[in-house]
Amino acid sequence: MVTASFSIHNLEFFLLILTRVSTMISVAPFFNTKGIPNRTKIGLAFFLSILVALNMDYYDLEYASIIDYTLMVAKEAVTGLMLGVSGSIAMQTVAFAGHFIDIEIGFSMVQLFDPLTNEESSAFGTLYSYMIMLIMIASDMHYFIIDSLMDSFKLIDLGKSVFNPESIYTNIIQWATEYFMIGFRIILPCFAASLILNVVLGILARSAPQMNMFVIGMQLKVFVGFAILIVTISCITFMVDFVFTGMKDMIKDVLEMLTP
């Protein structure tokens, strides 16, 4: 017969853990998709919280009133959200790159409904997002997200997160820089091919004004876009490396930023 007992202090300790875990699971890449039922997310957050609580050394929480405890819960919620959003930003660079590729080849007028996010997305953005998501699952990258969540409890005590406005501002600028750098690295082959094609079409338009370069250019851009996609599909591993490296760096920056 198994018996277990806990006090109100243990419950307060566990609720803080559950808050950080559940908020990160709700926004972290792969876990925040609509394909995962809400009951599964709730169950995963609950059992991960139990594992964390069993492996943590219990210590008394320092608060004077219910308002102080509420502020501690809010801190844990923001901590979990920042950890999850930092990973999601890296994944969104793929959709950003796909959207620009669609603009270059003329597919920007076509919008697809993504059932995983309940949002409209571009054709290449959806393709790249699904490819990255599949590789993320196959390479066990989602375990890294869980590991980073577990490590956060070793680095940041419950209710002890530090929110430095200057550090947050610096990291946002850095994330934005990495966001655009990763995105433009992905679209660079298509952008370069489109630029060369536009130059060639401009020369032809000057040398043969009777030709309708607008109609020819639209068709050529589609063919060039698919040709570049076929050629660069073998380089998907480099794209994945850019995205996953950026995700790790962003999560690491958040942990360093929030550590007292």
Protein backbone atom coordinates (compact mmCIF):
# COMPACT_ATOMS: atom_id res chain seq x y z
CA MET A 1 0.00 0.00 0.00
CA VAL A 2 1.38 3.36 -1.08
CA THR A 3 0.70 6.43 1.03
CA ALA A 4 1.66 10.00 0.29
CA SER A 5 1.17 13.22 2.14
CA PHE A 6 1.93 16.84 1.42
CA SER A 7 1.41 20.18 3.07
CA ILE A 8 0.09 23.46 1.75
CA HIS A 9 3.68 24.61 1.33
CA ASN A 10 4.41 21.65 -0.95
CA LEU A 11 1.33 22.53 -2.98
CA GLU A 12 2.44 26.14 -3.37
CA PHE A 13 5.90 24.90 -4.42
CA PHE A 14 4.36 22.54 -7.00
CA LEU A 15 2.01 25.20 -8.42
CA LEU A 16 4.96 27.45 -9.20
CA ILE A 17 6.68 24.60 -11.04
CA LEU A 18 3.48 23.80 -12.93
CA THR A 19 3.08 27.43 -13.96
CA ARG A 20 6.52 27.63 -15.57
CA VAL A 21 6.21 24.25 -17.28
CA SER A 22 2.68 24.75 -18.61
CA THR A 23 3.33 28.23 -20.00
CA MET A 24 6.43 27.06 -21.85
CA ILE A 25 4.66 24.00 -23.27
CA SER A 26 1.84 26.22 -24.52
CA VAL A 27 4.13 28.36 -26.72
CA ALA A 28 7.21 26.18 -27.39
CA PRO A 29 7.77 24.96 -30.97
CA PHE A 30 6.19 21.60 -31.85
CA PHE A 31 4.31 21.51 -28.55
CA ASN A 32 2.20 24.58 -29.43
CA THR A 33 0.78 23.11 -32.64
CA LYS A 34 -2.93 22.42 -32.96
CA GLY A 35 -2.12 18.84 -33.95
CA ILE A 36 -1.37 18.04 -30.31
CA PRO A 37 -4.63 17.88 -28.30
CA ASN A 38 -4.98 20.24 -25.36
CA ARG A 39 -5.49 17.30 -23.01
CA THR A 40 -2.14 15.91 -24.10
CA LYS A 41 -0.44 19.25 -23.46
CA ILE A 42 -2.05 19.51 -20.01
CA GLY A 43 -1.08 15.94 -19.14
CA LEU A 44 2.48 16.44 -20.37
CA ALA A 45 2.86 19.66 -18.37
CA PHE A 46 1.43 18.02 -15.25
CA PHE A 47 3.67 14.95 -15.34
CA LEU A 48 6.76 16.97 -16.24
CA SER A 49 6.00 19.16 -13.23
CA ILE A 50 5.80 16.07 -11.02
CA LEU A 51 9.18 14.87 -12.31
CA VAL A 52 10.72 18.26 -11.66
CA ALA A 53 9.23 18.43 -8.15
CA LEU A 54 10.53 14.95 -7.29
CA ASN A 55 14.05 15.84 -8.42
CA MET A 56 14.25 19.26 -6.80
CA ASP A 57 15.35 20.01 -3.28
CA TYR A 58 12.45 21.58 -1.43
CA TYR A 59 13.06 25.00 0.10
CA ASP A 60 10.78 27.48 1.79
CA LEU A 61 9.30 30.15 -0.43
CA GLU A 62 9.87 33.71 0.73
CA TYR A 63 6.69 35.78 0.55
CA ALA A 64 4.75 37.85 3.05
CA SER A 65 1.23 37.88 1.60
CA ILE A 66 -0.99 36.44 -1.11
CA ILE A 67 -0.04 39.38 -3.33
CA ASP A 68 3.63 38.43 -3.10
CA TYR A 69 2.79 34.83 -4.00
CA THR A 70 0.70 36.06 -6.95
CA LEU A 71 3.71 38.04 -8.17
CA MET A 72 5.83 34.88 -7.91
CA VAL A 73 3.27 33.01 -10.05
CA ALA A 74 3.36 35.85 -12.60
CA LYS A 75 7.17 35.69 -12.67
CA GLU A 76 7.07 31.94 -13.34
CA ALA A 77 4.51 32.45 -16.12
CA VAL A 78 6.66 35.10 -17.81
CA THR A 79 9.76 32.92 -17.42
CA GLY A 80 8.06 29.98 -19.13
CA LEU A 81 6.66 32.20 -21.88
CA MET A 82 10.06 33.74 -22.62
CA LEU A 83 11.71 30.32 -22.85
CA GLY A 84 9.02 29.05 -25.21
CA VAL A 85 8.81 32.16 -27.37
CA SER A 86 12.59 32.26 -27.84
CA GLY A 87 12.40 28.81 -29.46
CA SER A 88 9.35 29.72 -31.54
CA ILE A 89 11.09 32.81 -32.96
CA ALA A 90 13.79 30.60 -34.49
CA MET A 91 11.14 28.39 -36.11
CA GLN A 92 9.32 31.42 -37.52
CA THR A 93 12.41 32.38 -39.52
CA VAL A 94 11.59 29.51 -41.87
CA ALA A 95 8.08 30.85 -42.53
CA PHE A 96 9.62 34.32 -43.00
CA ALA A 97 12.07 32.97 -45.59
CA GLY A 98 9.33 31.02 -47.38
CA HIS A 99 7.16 34.14 -47.60
CA PHE A 100 9.97 36.09 -49.28
CA ILE A 101 10.61 33.23 -51.72
CA ASP A 102 6.93 33.32 -52.67
CA ILE A 103 7.23 37.06 -53.33
CA GLU A 104 10.24 36.53 -55.58
CA ILE A 105 8.64 33.82 -57.74
CA GLY A 106 5.11 35.24 -57.75
CA PHE A 107 3.38 32.89 -55.30
CA SER A 108 2.65 35.58 -52.72
CA MET A 109 -0.93 35.87 -54.01
CA VAL A 110 -1.55 32.25 -52.99
CA GLN A 111 -2.34 31.85 -49.30
CA LEU A 112 -2.80 28.45 -47.63
CA PHE A 113 -4.61 27.73 -44.40
CA ASP A 114 -2.29 25.98 -41.97
CA PRO A 115 -4.36 23.75 -39.66
CA LEU A 116 -1.50 23.51 -37.16
CA THR A 117 -1.41 27.25 -36.48
CA ASN A 118 -4.90 28.28 -37.64
CA GLU A 119 -3.28 31.01 -39.73
CA GLU A 120 -2.82 31.72 -43.41
CA SER A 121 0.68 31.09 -44.69
CA SER A 122 2.51 31.07 -48.00
CA ALA A 123 3.16 27.96 -50.06
CA PHE A 124 6.92 27.78 -49.56
CA GLY A 125 6.60 28.96 -45.97
CA THR A 126 4.27 26.05 -45.22
CA LEU A 127 6.56 23.60 -47.05
CA TYR A 128 9.67 24.69 -45.20
CA SER A 129 7.86 24.81 -41.85
CA TYR A 130 6.66 21.23 -42.18
CA MET A 131 10.08 20.03 -43.33
CA ILE A 132 11.79 21.69 -40.36
CA MET A 133 9.16 20.32 -37.99
CA LEU A 134 9.66 16.76 -39.26
CA ILE A 135 13.43 17.03 -38.98
CA MET A 136 13.01 18.51 -35.51
CA ILE A 137 11.07 15.42 -34.40
CA ALA A 138 13.43 13.00 -36.17
CA SER A 139 16.53 14.61 -34.63
CA ASP A 140 15.01 14.71 -31.10
CA MET A 141 15.33 18.48 -31.00
CA HIS A 142 12.10 18.67 -29.01
CA TYR A 143 13.95 16.84 -26.22
CA PHE A 144 16.40 19.74 -26.11
CA ILE A 145 13.48 22.08 -25.37
CA ILE A 146 12.40 19.86 -22.48
CA ASP A 147 16.00 19.62 -21.23
CA SER A 148 16.36 23.40 -21.29
CA LEU A 149 13.15 23.66 -19.28
CA MET A 150 14.51 21.22 -16.69
CA ASP A 151 17.83 23.07 -16.53
CA SER A 152 16.02 26.35 -15.92
CA PHE A 153 14.97 25.09 -12.48
CA LYS A 154 18.63 24.50 -11.61
CA LEU A 155 19.66 27.99 -12.70
CA ILE A 156 16.63 30.03 -11.67
CA ASP A 157 14.96 29.40 -8.32
CA LEU A 158 11.19 29.62 -8.13
CA GLY A 159 10.05 33.23 -7.98
CA LYS A 160 13.63 34.51 -8.31
CA SER A 161 13.66 35.44 -12.00
CA VAL A 162 15.32 38.76 -12.77
CA PHE A 163 13.82 41.02 -15.44
CA ASN A 164 16.41 43.60 -16.40
CA PRO A 165 14.93 46.03 -18.99
CA GLU A 166 18.33 46.83 -20.48
CA SER A 167 19.20 43.14 -20.87
CA ILE A 168 15.78 42.38 -22.36
CA TYR A 169 16.16 45.24 -24.87
CA THR A 170 19.64 44.05 -25.88
CA ASN A 171 18.48 40.48 -26.37
CA ILE A 172 15.46 41.55 -28.43
CA ILE A 173 17.75 43.47 -30.78
CA GLN A 174 20.06 40.45 -31.00
CA TRP A 175 17.16 38.09 -31.69
CA ALA A 176 15.81 40.37 -34.40
CA THR A 177 19.25 40.45 -36.02
CA GLU A 178 19.57 36.66 -35.96
CA TYR A 179 15.97 36.33 -37.20
CA PHE A 180 16.68 38.32 -40.37
CA MET A 181 20.17 36.87 -40.86
CA ILE A 182 18.92 33.28 -40.76
CA GLY A 183 15.96 34.15 -42.98
CA PHE A 184 18.06 35.89 -45.63
CA ARG A 185 20.59 33.05 -45.66
CA ILE A 186 17.76 30.69 -46.52
CA ILE A 187 16.34 32.86 -49.32
CA LEU A 188 19.72 33.96 -50.70
CA PRO A 189 19.90 31.35 -53.57
CA CYS A 190 16.40 32.19 -54.79
CA PHE A 191 16.99 35.92 -54.38
CA ALA A 192 20.26 35.76 -56.35
CA ALA A 193 18.65 33.73 -59.16
CA SER A 194 15.70 36.12 -59.32
CA LEU A 195 18.05 39.12 -59.45
CA ILE A 196 20.02 37.61 -62.34
CA LEU A 197 16.78 36.76 -64.15
CA ASN A 198 15.49 40.33 -63.75
CA VAL A 199 18.76 41.69 -65.16
CA VAL A 200 18.53 39.36 -68.17
CA LEU A 201 14.90 40.27 -68.76
CA GLY A 202 15.77 43.97 -68.51
CA ILE A 203 18.48 43.58 -71.15
CA LEU A 204 16.10 41.66 -73.41
CA ALA A 205 13.38 44.27 -72.93
CA ARG A 206 15.77 46.98 -74.12
CA SER A 207 17.10 44.95 -77.05
CA ALA A 208 13.69 43.61 -78.16
CA PRO A 209 10.95 46.07 -77.11
CA GLN A 210 8.29 44.19 -79.10
CA MET A 211 8.48 41.22 -76.72
CA ASN A 212 6.15 41.23 -73.69
CA MET A 213 8.69 40.60 -70.94
CA PHE A 214 6.07 40.90 -68.22
CA VAL A 215 4.26 37.73 -69.32
CA ILE A 216 7.49 35.86 -70.03
CA GLY A 217 9.06 36.98 -66.76
CA MET A 218 6.19 35.67 -64.61
CA GLN A 219 6.47 32.21 -66.14
CA LEU A 220 10.26 32.17 -66.00
CA LYS A 221 10.26 33.18 -62.33
CA VAL A 222 8.07 30.19 -61.46
CA PHE A 223 10.34 27.79 -63.36
CA VAL A 224 13.47 29.33 -61.84
CA GLY A 225 11.94 29.16 -58.38
CA PHE A 226 11.17 25.46 -58.67
CA ALA A 227 14.59 24.79 -60.19
CA ILE A 228 16.29 26.52 -57.26
CA LEU A 229 14.10 24.56 -54.85
CA ILE A 230 15.14 21.26 -56.46
CA VAL A 231 18.81 22.24 -56.40
CA THR A 232 18.81 23.55 -52.82
CA ILE A 233 16.64 20.82 -51.31
CA SER A 234 19.80 18.83 -50.70
CA CYS A 235 21.04 21.73 -48.53
CA ILE A 236 18.14 21.40 -46.11
CA THR A 237 20.57 20.14 -43.47
CA PHE A 238 22.39 23.49 -43.51
CA MET A 239 19.06 25.29 -43.16
CA VAL A 240 18.17 23.10 -40.21
CA ASP A 241 21.57 23.77 -38.64
CA PHE A 242 21.01 27.54 -38.91
CA VAL A 243 17.55 27.30 -37.34
CA PHE A 244 18.46 24.91 -34.53
CA THR A 245 21.66 26.78 -33.68
CA GLY A 246 19.67 30.00 -33.48
CA MET A 247 17.09 28.29 -31.26
CA LYS A 248 19.75 27.05 -28.85
CA ASP A 249 21.42 30.45 -28.69
CA MET A 250 18.13 32.23 -28.00
CA ILE A 251 17.11 29.82 -25.22
CA LYS A 252 20.60 30.12 -23.72
CA ASP A 253 20.34 33.92 -23.82
CA VAL A 254 16.99 33.80 -22.00
CA LEU A 255 18.40 31.58 -19.26
CA GLU A 256 21.38 33.88 -18.78
CA MET A 257 19.15 36.95 -18.84
CA LEU A 258 16.74 35.64 -16.19
CA THR A 259 19.37 34.11 -13.88
CA PRO A 260 19.89 36.23 -10.73
